[in-house]
Structure formats: C-alpha cells, structure tokens
Protein backbone atom coordinates (compact mmCIF):
# COMPACT_ATOMS: atom_id res chain seq x y z
CA MET A 1 15.76 -3.60 -35.52
CA PHE A 2 16.99 -0.03 -35.11
CA SER A 3 16.69 2.82 -37.60
CA LEU A 4 19.23 5.60 -37.23
CA GLU A 5 17.38 7.80 -39.71
CA TYR A 6 14.13 7.46 -37.77
CA PHE A 7 15.98 8.21 -34.55
CA LYS A 8 17.39 11.41 -36.08
CA TYR A 9 13.88 12.35 -37.18
CA LEU A 10 12.62 11.90 -33.63
CA LEU A 11 15.47 14.03 -32.26
CA LYS A 12 14.71 16.80 -34.71
CA SER A 13 10.94 16.74 -34.30
CA ARG A 14 11.05 16.57 -30.46
CA LYS A 15 14.02 18.83 -29.85
CA TYR A 16 11.97 21.46 -28.02
CA LEU A 17 10.45 18.88 -25.69
CA LEU A 18 13.88 17.43 -24.91
CA LEU A 19 15.38 20.89 -24.38
CA PHE A 20 12.54 21.73 -22.01
CA VAL A 21 13.18 18.56 -19.95
CA PHE A 22 16.93 19.20 -19.75
CA LEU A 23 16.31 22.85 -18.83
CA ILE A 24 13.99 21.82 -16.01
CA THR A 25 16.63 19.33 -14.86
CA LEU A 26 19.38 21.98 -14.78
CA LEU A 27 17.17 24.49 -12.99
CA ASN A 28 16.26 21.81 -10.47
CA ILE A 29 19.91 20.89 -9.82
CA LEU A 30 21.16 24.47 -9.64
CA GLY A 31 18.15 25.99 -7.89
CA THR A 32 17.56 23.42 -5.14
CA ARG A 33 19.94 23.63 -2.21
CA ASP A 34 19.25 20.20 -0.75
CA PRO A 35 20.64 17.47 -3.08
CA LYS A 36 18.13 14.90 -1.82
CA THR A 37 15.29 17.26 -2.63
CA TYR A 38 16.31 17.85 -6.24
CA LEU A 39 16.83 14.12 -6.70
CA ILE A 40 13.29 13.41 -5.48
CA ILE A 41 11.88 16.17 -7.72
CA GLN A 42 13.76 14.73 -10.68
CA ALA A 43 12.44 11.25 -9.88
CA PHE A 44 8.84 12.51 -10.05
CA LEU A 45 9.60 14.35 -13.30
CA SER A 46 11.12 11.20 -14.79
CA LEU A 47 8.14 9.14 -13.68
CA ALA A 48 5.79 11.57 -15.41
CA MET A 49 7.91 11.41 -18.57
CA THR A 50 7.56 7.60 -18.70
CA PHE A 51 3.87 8.31 -19.33
CA ILE A 52 4.22 11.38 -21.54
CA LEU A 53 6.97 10.36 -23.97
CA PRO A 54 5.39 7.06 -25.13
CA LEU A 55 2.11 8.93 -25.74
CA ASN A 56 3.99 11.52 -27.74
CA ILE A 57 6.15 9.14 -29.78
CA PHE A 58 3.53 6.47 -30.53
CA TYR A 59 0.61 8.84 -31.08
CA TYR A 60 0.32 7.65 -34.69
CA ILE A 61 -0.98 4.27 -33.52
CA HIS A 62 -4.33 5.90 -32.78
CA ASP A 63 -4.40 8.28 -35.76
CA ARG A 64 -5.86 6.72 -38.91
CA LYS A 65 -3.99 9.06 -41.30
CA ALA A 66 -0.70 9.00 -39.42
CA ILE A 67 -0.58 5.22 -39.05
CA ASP A 68 -0.97 4.76 -42.80
CA THR A 69 1.97 7.12 -43.31
CA PHE A 70 4.24 5.56 -40.69
CA PHE A 71 3.55 1.98 -41.74
CA SER A 72 4.25 2.83 -45.38
CA ILE A 73 7.70 4.40 -44.92
CA PRO A 74 10.73 2.19 -45.73
CA VAL A 75 11.27 1.29 -42.06
CA SER A 76 10.08 -2.03 -40.67
CA ARG A 77 7.59 -2.21 -37.84
CA LYS A 78 10.26 -3.75 -35.62
CA ALA A 79 12.54 -0.78 -36.26
CA LEU A 80 9.72 1.71 -35.62
CA LEU A 81 8.95 0.07 -32.27
CA VAL A 82 12.53 -0.45 -31.08
CA THR A 83 13.72 2.98 -32.20
CA GLY A 84 10.74 4.68 -30.58
CA LEU A 85 11.31 2.83 -27.30
CA VAL A 86 15.03 3.64 -27.30
CA PHE A 87 14.22 7.31 -27.86
CA CYS A 88 11.72 7.32 -24.98
CA ILE A 89 14.09 5.51 -22.63
CA LEU A 90 16.99 7.89 -23.36
CA GLY A 91 14.72 10.93 -23.13
CA VAL A 92 13.66 9.89 -19.63
CA TYR A 93 16.89 8.37 -18.40
CA LEU A 94 19.60 10.86 -19.43
CA PRO A 95 18.22 13.86 -17.43
CA PHE A 96 17.63 11.56 -14.45
CA ALA A 97 21.16 10.12 -14.77
CA LEU A 98 22.56 13.65 -14.76
CA SER A 99 20.82 14.33 -11.44
CA ILE A 100 22.09 11.03 -10.01
CA VAL A 101 25.68 11.76 -11.01
CA CYS A 102 25.53 15.26 -9.51
CA TYR A 103 24.12 13.84 -6.29
CA GLY A 104 26.71 11.04 -6.22
CA ILE A 105 29.54 13.56 -6.62
CA GLY A 106 28.11 15.59 -3.74
CA VAL A 107 27.96 12.65 -1.32
CA LYS A 108 31.15 11.03 -2.67
CA ALA A 109 29.36 7.81 -3.54
CA GLY A 110 32.27 6.43 -5.59
CA LEU A 111 31.83 3.36 -7.75
CA MET A 112 28.46 2.54 -6.15
CA ILE A 113 26.97 5.32 -8.26
CA VAL A 114 27.46 3.04 -11.29
CA VAL A 115 25.38 0.33 -9.64
CA TYR A 116 22.63 2.81 -8.92
CA LEU A 117 22.70 4.16 -12.48
CA LEU A 118 22.20 0.61 -13.80
CA GLU A 119 19.32 0.05 -11.37
CA MET A 120 17.59 3.22 -12.52
CA LEU A 121 18.14 2.28 -16.17
CA LEU A 122 16.29 -0.97 -15.52
CA ALA A 123 13.47 0.95 -13.80
CA VAL A 124 13.13 3.45 -16.65
CA MET A 125 13.16 0.72 -19.31
CA THR A 126 10.44 -1.23 -17.48
CA LEU A 127 8.21 1.80 -16.94
CA VAL A 128 8.51 3.00 -20.54
CA VAL A 129 7.73 -0.42 -22.01
CA PHE A 130 4.92 -1.01 -19.50
CA HIS A 131 3.22 2.34 -20.15
CA THR A 132 3.66 1.98 -23.93
CA LEU A 133 1.91 -1.40 -23.81
CA LEU A 134 -0.97 0.05 -21.76
CA TYR A 135 -1.31 2.96 -24.19
CA MET A 136 -1.59 0.54 -27.12
CA ILE A 137 -4.29 -1.59 -25.52
CA ALA A 138 -6.80 1.03 -26.63
CA ASN A 139 -7.78 2.06 -30.16
CA ASN A 140 -7.72 5.84 -29.72
CA ALA A 141 -5.58 8.36 -27.86
CA ILE A 142 -8.05 9.28 -25.09
CA ASP A 143 -8.78 5.65 -24.30
CA GLY A 144 -5.05 4.97 -24.29
CA VAL A 145 -4.54 7.49 -21.49
CA VAL A 146 -7.46 5.96 -19.59
CA MET A 147 -6.01 2.44 -19.94
CA ALA A 148 -2.59 3.58 -18.74
CA ALA A 149 -4.09 5.23 -15.66
CA ALA A 150 -6.54 2.40 -14.92
CA TYR A 151 -4.02 -0.44 -15.04
CA THR A 152 -1.40 1.57 -13.18
CA CYS A 153 -3.80 2.20 -10.27
CA MET A 154 -5.29 -1.31 -10.19
CA PRO A 155 -2.70 -2.86 -7.80
CA LEU A 156 -3.18 0.09 -5.45
CA VAL A 157 -6.96 -0.42 -5.38
CA LEU A 158 -6.50 -4.15 -4.77
CA LEU A 159 -4.09 -3.39 -1.93
CA PHE A 160 -6.61 -0.98 -0.40
CA VAL A 161 -9.32 -3.67 -0.53
CA LEU A 162 -7.08 -6.22 1.19
CA TYR A 163 -6.13 -3.82 3.98
CA SER A 164 -9.79 -2.85 4.43
CA TYR A 165 -10.74 -6.52 4.84
CA THR A 166 -8.01 -7.25 7.33
CA ASN A 167 -8.89 -4.16 9.32
CA SER A 168 -12.55 -5.24 9.53
CA PHE A 169 -12.24 -8.98 10.01
CA VAL A 170 -8.83 -9.79 11.51
CA CYS A 171 -8.21 -9.15 15.17
CA GLY A 172 -4.77 -8.25 16.40
CA MET A 173 -2.32 -8.49 13.52
CA ASN A 174 -1.39 -5.07 12.16
CA ASN A 175 1.55 -5.41 9.80
CA PHE A 176 0.18 -7.62 7.04
CA ASP A 177 2.59 -8.29 4.24
CA PHE A 178 0.89 -7.94 0.87
CA THR A 179 4.15 -7.74 -1.05
CA PHE A 180 2.77 -10.00 -3.77
CA VAL A 181 0.34 -7.22 -4.74
CA SER A 182 3.04 -4.55 -4.67
CA TYR A 183 5.14 -6.64 -7.03
CA LEU A 184 2.44 -6.21 -9.66
CA SER A 185 3.29 -2.52 -9.84
CA PRO A 186 6.50 -1.48 -11.64
CA ILE A 187 6.12 1.97 -10.10
CA TYR A 188 6.35 0.45 -6.60
CA LEU A 189 9.36 -1.67 -7.55
CA SER A 190 11.07 1.32 -9.16
CA GLY A 191 10.39 3.29 -6.00
CA ARG A 192 12.16 0.60 -3.98
CA LEU A 193 15.20 0.89 -6.22
CA PHE A 194 15.12 4.66 -5.91
CA ALA A 195 14.89 4.42 -2.11
CA SER A 196 17.95 2.14 -2.04
CA PHE A 197 20.11 5.12 -3.04
CA LYS A 198 19.96 6.46 0.52
CA LYS A 199 21.82 3.27 1.51
CA ILE A 200 24.49 3.91 -1.09
CA SER A 201 27.32 3.39 1.41
CA SER A 202 25.85 0.27 3.04
CA ASP A 203 26.30 -3.37 2.14
CA ASN A 204 22.62 -3.85 1.23
CA VAL A 205 22.58 -1.46 -1.70
CA VAL A 206 20.93 -3.78 -4.24
CA PRO A 207 17.31 -4.80 -3.49
CA LEU A 208 17.35 -8.09 -5.40
CA GLY A 209 13.61 -8.69 -5.01
CA ALA A 210 12.72 -5.43 -6.75
CA ILE A 211 15.30 -6.05 -9.48
CA ILE A 212 13.99 -9.55 -10.20
CA GLY A 213 10.41 -8.25 -10.20
CA LEU A 214 11.27 -5.51 -12.69
CA ILE A 215 13.13 -7.94 -14.95
CA VAL A 216 10.12 -10.28 -14.99
CA ILE A 217 7.70 -7.42 -15.73
CA LEU A 218 10.03 -6.05 -18.42
CA GLY A 219 10.33 -9.45 -20.10
CA ILE A 220 6.57 -10.11 -20.12
CA THR A 221 5.50 -6.62 -21.19
CA ALA A 222 8.24 -6.36 -23.84
CA TYR A 223 7.09 -9.65 -25.41
CA LEU A 224 3.40 -8.63 -25.33
CA LEU A 225 4.21 -5.20 -26.74
CA TYR A 226 6.34 -6.69 -29.52
CA ARG A 227 3.67 -9.20 -30.55
CA SER A 228 0.74 -6.76 -30.36
CA TYR A 229 2.59 -4.02 -32.27
CA LEU A 230 3.73 -6.29 -35.10
CA ASN A 231 0.26 -7.82 -35.48
CA ARG A 232 -1.69 -4.62 -34.95
CA ALA A 233 -4.32 -3.99 -37.63
CA VAL A 234 -4.27 -0.51 -39.15
CA GLU A 235 -8.08 -0.45 -39.06
CA ARG A 236 -8.05 -0.30 -35.25
CA ALA A 237 -6.92 3.34 -35.27
CA ASN A 238 -9.46 5.81 -33.91
CA THR A 239 -12.16 3.20 -33.26
CA SER A 240 -13.92 2.02 -30.11
CA SER A 241 -11.62 0.26 -27.67
CA ASN A 242 -13.60 -2.96 -27.51
CA GLY A 243 -10.74 -5.41 -26.96
CA PHE A 244 -11.15 -7.63 -23.91
CA PHE A 245 -8.24 -6.04 -22.03
CA ALA A 246 -9.46 -2.53 -22.84
CA TYR A 247 -12.69 -1.13 -21.38
CA PRO A 248 -14.43 -4.46 -20.69
CA ALA A 249 -11.69 -5.77 -18.38
CA VAL A 250 -11.18 -2.39 -16.70
CA ILE A 251 -14.88 -1.69 -16.07
CA TYR A 252 -15.76 -5.12 -14.69
CA THR A 253 -12.59 -5.45 -12.62
CA TYR A 254 -12.99 -2.06 -10.96
CA ALA A 255 -16.71 -2.65 -10.35
CA PHE A 256 -15.94 -5.93 -8.57
CA LEU A 257 -13.08 -4.41 -6.56
CA VAL A 258 -15.30 -1.56 -5.35
CA LEU A 259 -18.04 -4.05 -4.44
CA LEU A 260 -15.46 -5.97 -2.41
CA LEU A 261 -14.40 -2.73 -0.77
CA ILE A 262 -17.97 -1.94 0.27
CA SER A 263 -18.52 -5.47 1.57
CA SER A 264 -15.38 -5.15 3.70
CA PHE A 265 -17.36 -2.79 5.94
CA PHE A 266 -19.75 -5.63 6.80
CA SER A 267 -18.09 -6.02 10.17
CA PHE A 268 -19.57 -7.17 13.46
CA TYR A 269 -21.36 -3.89 14.00
CA TYR A 270 -24.13 -5.22 11.71
CA ASN A 271 -26.42 -8.00 12.87
CA ASP A 272 -27.41 -9.33 9.44
CA VAL A 273 -27.03 -8.82 5.70
CA PHE A 274 -30.28 -6.88 5.32
CA GLU A 275 -29.25 -4.31 7.92
CA PHE A 276 -25.92 -3.85 6.15
CA PHE A 277 -27.55 -3.60 2.72
CA ARG A 278 -29.99 -0.93 3.95
CA GLU A 279 -27.07 1.06 5.36
CA PHE A 280 -25.12 0.99 2.09
CA PHE A 281 -28.01 0.98 -0.38
CA ILE A 282 -27.16 4.47 -1.68
CA ALA A 283 -23.52 3.48 -2.19
CA TYR A 284 -24.55 0.39 -4.16
CA LEU A 285 -26.98 2.44 -6.24
CA LEU A 286 -24.36 5.09 -7.06
CA LEU A 287 -21.84 2.42 -8.00
CA PHE A 288 -24.33 0.83 -10.39
CA ALA A 289 -24.96 4.24 -11.96
CA VAL A 290 -21.21 4.71 -12.47
CA PHE A 291 -21.00 1.17 -13.85
CA VAL A 292 -23.66 1.96 -16.48
CA ALA A 293 -22.10 5.37 -17.24
CA ALA A 294 -18.74 3.69 -17.86
CA HIS A 295 -20.38 1.61 -20.58
CA PHE A 296 -21.74 4.81 -22.08
CA VAL A 297 -18.18 6.17 -22.28
CA TYR A 298 -16.93 2.86 -23.65
CA LYS A 299 -19.61 2.52 -26.36
CA ARG A 300 -19.73 6.27 -27.11
CA LYS A 301 -23.52 5.97 -27.00
CA PHE A 302 -26.22 5.10 -24.50
CA TYR A 303 -25.98 1.41 -23.81
CA PHE A 304 -28.05 -0.76 -21.50
CA SER A 305 -28.46 -4.50 -21.52
CA TYR A 306 -29.84 -7.11 -19.12
CA LYS A 307 -26.23 -8.32 -18.80
CA LEU A 308 -25.25 -5.20 -16.83
CA PRO A 309 -27.63 -5.62 -13.85
CA LEU A 310 -27.12 -9.40 -14.04
CA PHE A 311 -23.34 -9.10 -13.68
CA TYR A 312 -23.71 -6.42 -11.02
CA CYS A 313 -26.09 -8.50 -8.91
CA ILE A 314 -23.93 -11.64 -9.20
CA ALA A 315 -20.79 -9.67 -8.28
CA LEU A 316 -22.62 -8.03 -5.36
CA VAL A 317 -23.74 -11.42 -4.00
CA ILE A 318 -20.23 -12.85 -4.39
CA SER A 319 -18.74 -9.90 -2.49
CA ILE A 320 -21.25 -10.26 0.37
CA VAL A 321 -20.71 -14.03 0.56
CA PHE A 322 -16.95 -13.49 0.65
CA ALA A 323 -17.38 -11.04 3.54
CA LEU A 324 -19.64 -13.51 5.37
CA VAL A 325 -17.10 -16.32 4.99
CA CYS A 326 -14.31 -14.01 6.16
CA ARG A 327 -16.45 -13.01 9.12
CA GLN A 328 -17.41 -16.56 10.11
CA THR A 329 -13.86 -17.92 9.78
CA HIS A 330 -12.43 -15.03 11.84
CA GLY A 331 -10.43 -13.66 8.96
CA PHE A 332 -9.66 -17.13 7.53
CA GLY A 333 -7.96 -17.96 10.84
CA LEU A 334 -5.50 -15.06 10.69
CA SER A 335 -6.68 -13.79 14.08
CA TYR A 336 -5.04 -16.85 15.66
CA ALA A 337 -1.81 -16.65 13.69
CA TYR A 338 0.22 -15.19 16.57
CA PRO A 339 3.18 -17.27 17.81
CA LYS A 340 2.39 -19.50 20.79
CA ASN A 341 4.39 -19.38 24.03
CA ASP A 342 6.57 -16.47 22.97
CA TYR A 343 8.06 -15.59 26.34
CA LYS A 344 10.60 -13.26 24.75
CA ALA A 345 8.09 -11.08 22.93
CA TYR A 346 7.87 -7.40 23.85
CA TYR A 347 4.53 -6.62 25.54
CA THR A 348 3.11 -3.22 26.34
CA MET A 349 -0.31 -2.42 27.75
CA SER A 350 -2.12 0.80 28.59
CA CYS A 351 -5.54 1.78 29.91
CA TRP A 352 -7.24 4.81 31.42
CA TYR A 353 -10.16 5.13 33.86
CA ASN A 354 -12.17 8.07 35.15
CA ARG A 355 -14.09 8.01 38.42
CA PHE A 356 -17.23 9.49 36.90
CA GLU A 357 -17.46 6.72 34.29
CA ASN A 358 -17.84 4.11 37.07
CA TYR A 359 -15.32 1.72 35.54
CA ASN A 360 -13.11 -0.62 37.57
CA ARG A 361 -14.06 0.42 41.10
CA GLU A 362 -11.70 -2.25 42.44
CA LEU A 363 -8.68 -0.49 40.93
CA PHE A 364 -9.80 2.92 42.26
CA ASP A 365 -10.32 1.53 45.77
CA TYR A 366 -6.92 -0.15 45.74
CA CYS A 367 -5.03 2.94 44.53
CA GLU A 368 -6.82 5.22 47.03
CA SER A 369 -5.92 2.84 49.84
CA GLN A 370 -2.29 3.01 48.77
CA ILE A 371 -1.96 6.80 48.68
CA GLY A 372 -4.58 7.70 51.29
CA THR A 373 -6.51 10.23 49.17
CA SER A 374 -9.32 10.13 46.64
CA ILE A 375 -8.48 10.30 42.95
CA GLU A 376 -10.35 11.12 39.74
CA ASP A 377 -8.17 9.51 37.05
CA VAL A 378 -6.16 6.30 36.89
CA SER A 379 -3.82 5.41 34.03
CA VAL A 380 -1.93 2.12 33.92
CA TYR A 381 1.09 1.41 31.73
CA VAL A 382 2.74 -2.01 31.61
CA GLU A 383 5.98 -2.81 29.81
CA ALA A 384 7.16 -6.42 29.72
CA ASN A 385 10.60 -7.43 28.43
CA ASP A 386 13.30 -5.27 26.98
CA LYS A 387 12.72 -4.76 23.28
CA TYR A 388 16.44 -4.73 22.54
CA HIS A 389 17.73 -7.49 24.84
CA ASN A 390 17.15 -11.22 24.99
CA THR A 391 15.04 -11.35 28.16
CA GLU A 392 12.19 -13.66 29.07
CA ILE A 393 9.00 -13.16 31.07
CA SER A 394 7.68 -15.80 33.45
CA GLU A 395 5.03 -18.35 32.56
CA LYS A 396 2.49 -16.66 34.85
CA THR A 397 3.11 -13.32 33.16
CA TYR A 398 2.68 -14.88 29.76
CA GLU A 399 -0.59 -16.49 30.85
CA ILE A 400 -1.97 -13.10 31.89
CA PHE A 401 -1.15 -11.54 28.53
CA ASP A 402 -2.45 -14.60 26.68
CA GLU A 403 -5.70 -14.45 28.64
CA MET A 404 -6.12 -10.81 27.62
CA ARG A 405 -5.32 -11.64 24.01
CA LYS A 406 -7.93 -14.40 23.88
CA ASP A 407 -10.44 -12.12 25.59
CA ALA A 408 -9.76 -9.47 22.94
CA ILE A 409 -10.38 -11.95 20.11
CA ASP A 410 -13.62 -13.22 21.70
CA LYS A 411 -14.93 -9.68 22.16
CA PHE A 412 -13.83 -8.62 18.67
CA TYR A 413 -16.03 -11.31 17.14
CA GLY A 414 -18.78 -10.69 19.65
CA ASP A 415 -20.23 -7.45 21.00
CA HIS A 416 -18.08 -4.39 20.27
CA ASN A 417 -20.06 -2.16 22.61
CA GLY A 418 -20.29 -1.84 26.35
CA TYR A 419 -16.78 -2.74 27.44
CA ARG A 420 -13.63 -0.92 28.42
CA SER A 421 -10.69 -0.90 26.01
CA ILE A 422 -7.27 -1.89 27.27
CA TYR A 423 -4.65 -1.58 24.56
CA LEU A 424 -2.27 -4.51 24.38
CA LEU A 425 0.66 -4.43 21.94
CA ILE A 426 2.76 -7.52 21.32
CA ASP A 427 5.96 -7.23 19.31
CA SER A 428 7.02 -10.78 18.51
CA SER A 429 10.70 -11.59 18.28
CA LYS A 430 9.95 -14.86 16.46
CA ASP A 431 8.29 -13.56 13.32
CA ASN A 432 9.05 -9.82 13.51
CA ASN A 433 5.32 -9.09 13.56
CA TYR A 434 3.43 -6.94 16.01
CA TYR A 435 -0.11 -7.44 17.25
CA ASN A 436 -2.39 -4.79 18.68
CA TYR A 437 -5.52 -5.69 20.66
CA ASP A 438 -8.39 -3.88 22.34
CA VAL A 439 -9.00 -6.00 25.42
CA GLY A 440 -12.66 -6.03 26.34
CA SER A 441 -12.57 -6.32 30.13
CA ASP A 442 -11.37 -4.37 33.15
CA LEU A 443 -7.82 -4.87 34.36
CA ARG A 444 -7.88 -6.67 37.73
CA VAL A 445 -5.67 -5.69 40.65
CA ASP A 446 -4.46 -9.26 41.15
CA GLN A 447 -3.30 -9.30 37.52
CA LEU A 448 -1.35 -6.09 38.06
CA LYS A 449 0.32 -7.54 41.16
CA GLN A 450 1.32 -10.71 39.31
CA LEU A 451 2.77 -8.65 36.49
CA ALA A 452 4.70 -6.40 38.89
CA ALA A 453 6.20 -9.48 40.57
CA ASP A 454 8.05 -10.35 37.36
CA ASP A 455 11.59 -8.93 37.17
CA ASN A 456 11.14 -8.20 33.47
CA VAL A 457 7.92 -6.24 33.87
CA LYS A 458 7.48 -2.60 34.87
CA VAL A 459 4.04 -1.45 36.01
CA THR A 460 3.50 2.32 36.13
CA VAL A 461 0.34 3.83 37.60
CA VAL A 462 -0.49 7.50 37.10
CA LEU A 463 -2.93 8.92 39.65
CA ASP A 464 -4.16 12.42 38.94
CA TYR A 465 -0.93 13.23 37.05
CA GLU A 466 1.33 11.77 39.76
CA GLU A 467 3.43 8.81 38.66
CA PHE A 468 3.88 5.68 40.79
CA VAL A 469 5.67 2.39 40.18
CA MET A 470 4.24 -0.86 41.56
CA ASP A 471 6.85 -2.99 43.35
CA LYS A 472 6.93 -6.78 43.61
CA ASP A 473 4.66 -6.70 46.67
CA GLY A 474 2.04 -4.67 44.87
CA ASN A 475 2.78 -1.39 46.68
CA LEU A 476 2.76 1.91 44.80
CA LYS A 477 5.93 3.97 45.14
CA LYS A 478 5.93 7.56 44.04
CA GLU A 479 8.55 8.33 41.40
CA ILE A 480 8.05 11.81 39.94
CA ILE A 481 5.36 14.47 39.73
CA ILE A 482 4.46 15.24 36.12
CA TYR A 483 2.51 18.41 36.89
CA LYS A 484 -0.24 19.76 39.11
C-alpha cells in the first residue's frame, strides 16, 4: 500500500517546490509581526497547495506517455495512489503545522495545540483527497483544473441561489440557516475548524459538526478515488472528458442553477411572466450562448444539437414555474414561520417623515401641539423589551407589533409602491431568529401612546434634531439636544 522508494523519488523530484513552500512559511512567520495574520496567510497558502500538489503529483494520469511509464514500474497502483496522497498531505500539512506550533507557543495554548493540530490534519487530508478526486474526473490536465474549480464552487452558487430566492419571496425572516449546503463544501468545514483556533482557551474548542462532516466527506471521496484510480483505463489519458460527472454534469447543473438565479428575481414588482421574460430576455439569450459555447469547449469542436435548446427551454420553464409556486405560496409558508405570542421577544421600530412629503399629517399635528412650534422632520424610534433581560411586554403592545407584522406581510405580497416604510425588527428569544419588516402604513398616534404606556417600551421622538421621550400619558418630554 505504501512504496518507500516511490516516496523518496517524489522527495527528490519535488525538492525545489517543497523548499519554496517552507521558505515562504519561514518568511511569513519571521516577517509578519501579528501572529494571527501570519497564521491566516499560511492557511490560504495551505489551501492553495491542496489544489496545486495533487495536480503536480498525479499529472501522469492525463499524460498518455507518462501513464504508460508509471503503470509499468514495479509499484502497484494502490501504492502509487497511497504514496502520492501521503506526499501531498505531508507537503501541505507540515508547513502549516509549523505555523500553528509557533502561534501556539506565542499564545501559550498548551496541550490544546495538539487538538488543533489533529483537526487541521483532518482538514488537510480531506481537501487533498477531495481535490485529487475532482482532478481525476477529467481525462486531460486542463479539464481536470476546470472540474476541480467547478465542483468546488458549486455549493457556493447553490447557496447564492437559495439566498436570492428567500430575499425575493420570503417576508421578514433574515437569518436563514442553509447549513446543509455549507456541509457539502470541505473548504467551508475546514474554515470552521480553522476559526475554532481563536477559541483555543475556551471549552467549545472542537466543532463536532464540522469534524463529522469532514470525516464523512473524506470517507466517501477516499472510496470513490480508490475505486476510480484502480479501475482507470490507460486509454482515457489526454482524451475528451466525456464522463457523466465531467463536463456534462457541470454544464447542465450550472445552467440550471443560473436559470434558477434569474427566476429568483421574478418578485412582486412584475405583474406577469411575459413582463418578466421581456425584462430578462437578454440575460436568457446570453446564458444560452454561454451554454452552447461550453459544449464547444467540451467537445473541442463546434457542436449544436436539438437537445441543447430543448434542455434549455425545459429548464427555463421549470425555473419559472418554481418561482411562481414560491411566489404564490408566500415562500412556501416561510413568511409565517415567526413564533406566535412571543411577549419576550426584543422589538425595535424606526421611521422618518418629512413635512414636504405630506406623510402622516396626524403625527406632525400632534408633535407640533406638544412643543408649540412647527417642525420639518419627525423621526420615531421604539424599543420594546430589554434584549439581555427576561422581561415581557403587555398583550396590547404585542397586538400592535403583530398588527404591523401582518400588515408588512400583506403589503409585501401586494403592491410594493406607494406606501411609507416603517422598519420593524423582531429578535425572538424562542428560536434565536430575527425578523425584519418594512411596514406599509403610517404609524398612528394612538399606537404610539399605547406603546409608551408599557413599562417595557421606550418611545423616542426626534423633532428637527431635538430628542424627546414619550411618557405613559403620551406627552413628549425633552431629553437632550443633539445639535442645531
């Protein structure tokens, strides 16, 4: 399973590359004053090496002459694979471990540095095996680099599509948890392990979720790499990468993801599908051109078939239908996912009015009657509950906020134009989520008075840069002058 002679050959043939990496590491440690900075720089260098070293060591896979030579030497395929992986892992890990040890000595991390070293070893092993597998999906070196980049970025693109959809079709909720997508990326999981080092002296130093995720990815990719390498046909070298998981899967997956991304902009600003399609016709046309060009790169010749526009049209229709369903179901019901009757949530609200915009004349008249002079600007800030203490607002106060929340949802899925935005933020203590709404109606004076009557609510009104606090009787009391 391991060939010492082949390992010595790799050391001798790559000695200048290894010396260069260790030299950069030493210069980074000695030349950077801030230990955290040189550790971050070294982490990026190590990440880059998890791409570079597998390409350098397993280059022969895509070279027709070299693969005949390597597969004919008296070393088994298992030994070639395992020895090459061990060399790549050590070449990436040892310089990084040196930086970690130097940092740990500087901050006096003690025995916890050993835990962190083991975590980073797991991360390096997973990234090297993962990137080696991606490189071998293709049949030539250039395609191998493309596959490694394409599959590495795919979870990020999927995450971007999901956030774009929630931003367009879900009202209120802001901190969506798409951890399941992040766990598809070993780079993300390795980053979580790396970030845990700043908590080296705390009790929560081992992020078990990231460790389990990396172990699962390592196990799956190691098995796939082992099977594909042992059964790899020599004739594949330097040919078109026509395997299903090569260009075909990458091209069609990215085309569909981008179509979903475009359809995510089909929000309530558009009255119908035809209006939306006219608006984004150029984008759809350019995407189809890129889709066809990708097949040209894949086939290494001009290629056009009826299957290309057929797939593109079907995928386009599916993406539009998905957006329509998401729109009609109000984000699959996520807009109503907030916790009911949460009297201990932390509520904040803010709005601003200008006299010349003719908004909320009732509020202007009331404030002018309180201070006895005319005003040009009114800003209202409401803070309900103490974010850090276990307080509770009254039922009437909750009903006011809930009325505004429902009004915001109705207006979000109705007409976006022609109403005044009042920003309502709800930080729920039940589910640790926060919700942010644009309330589509003017704030009434009677609502402000009811809010001010609650002991756990503070209502601040700023009139032409002068700050007032509304008491329980609804009177404005001057607190401080900001500036004149």
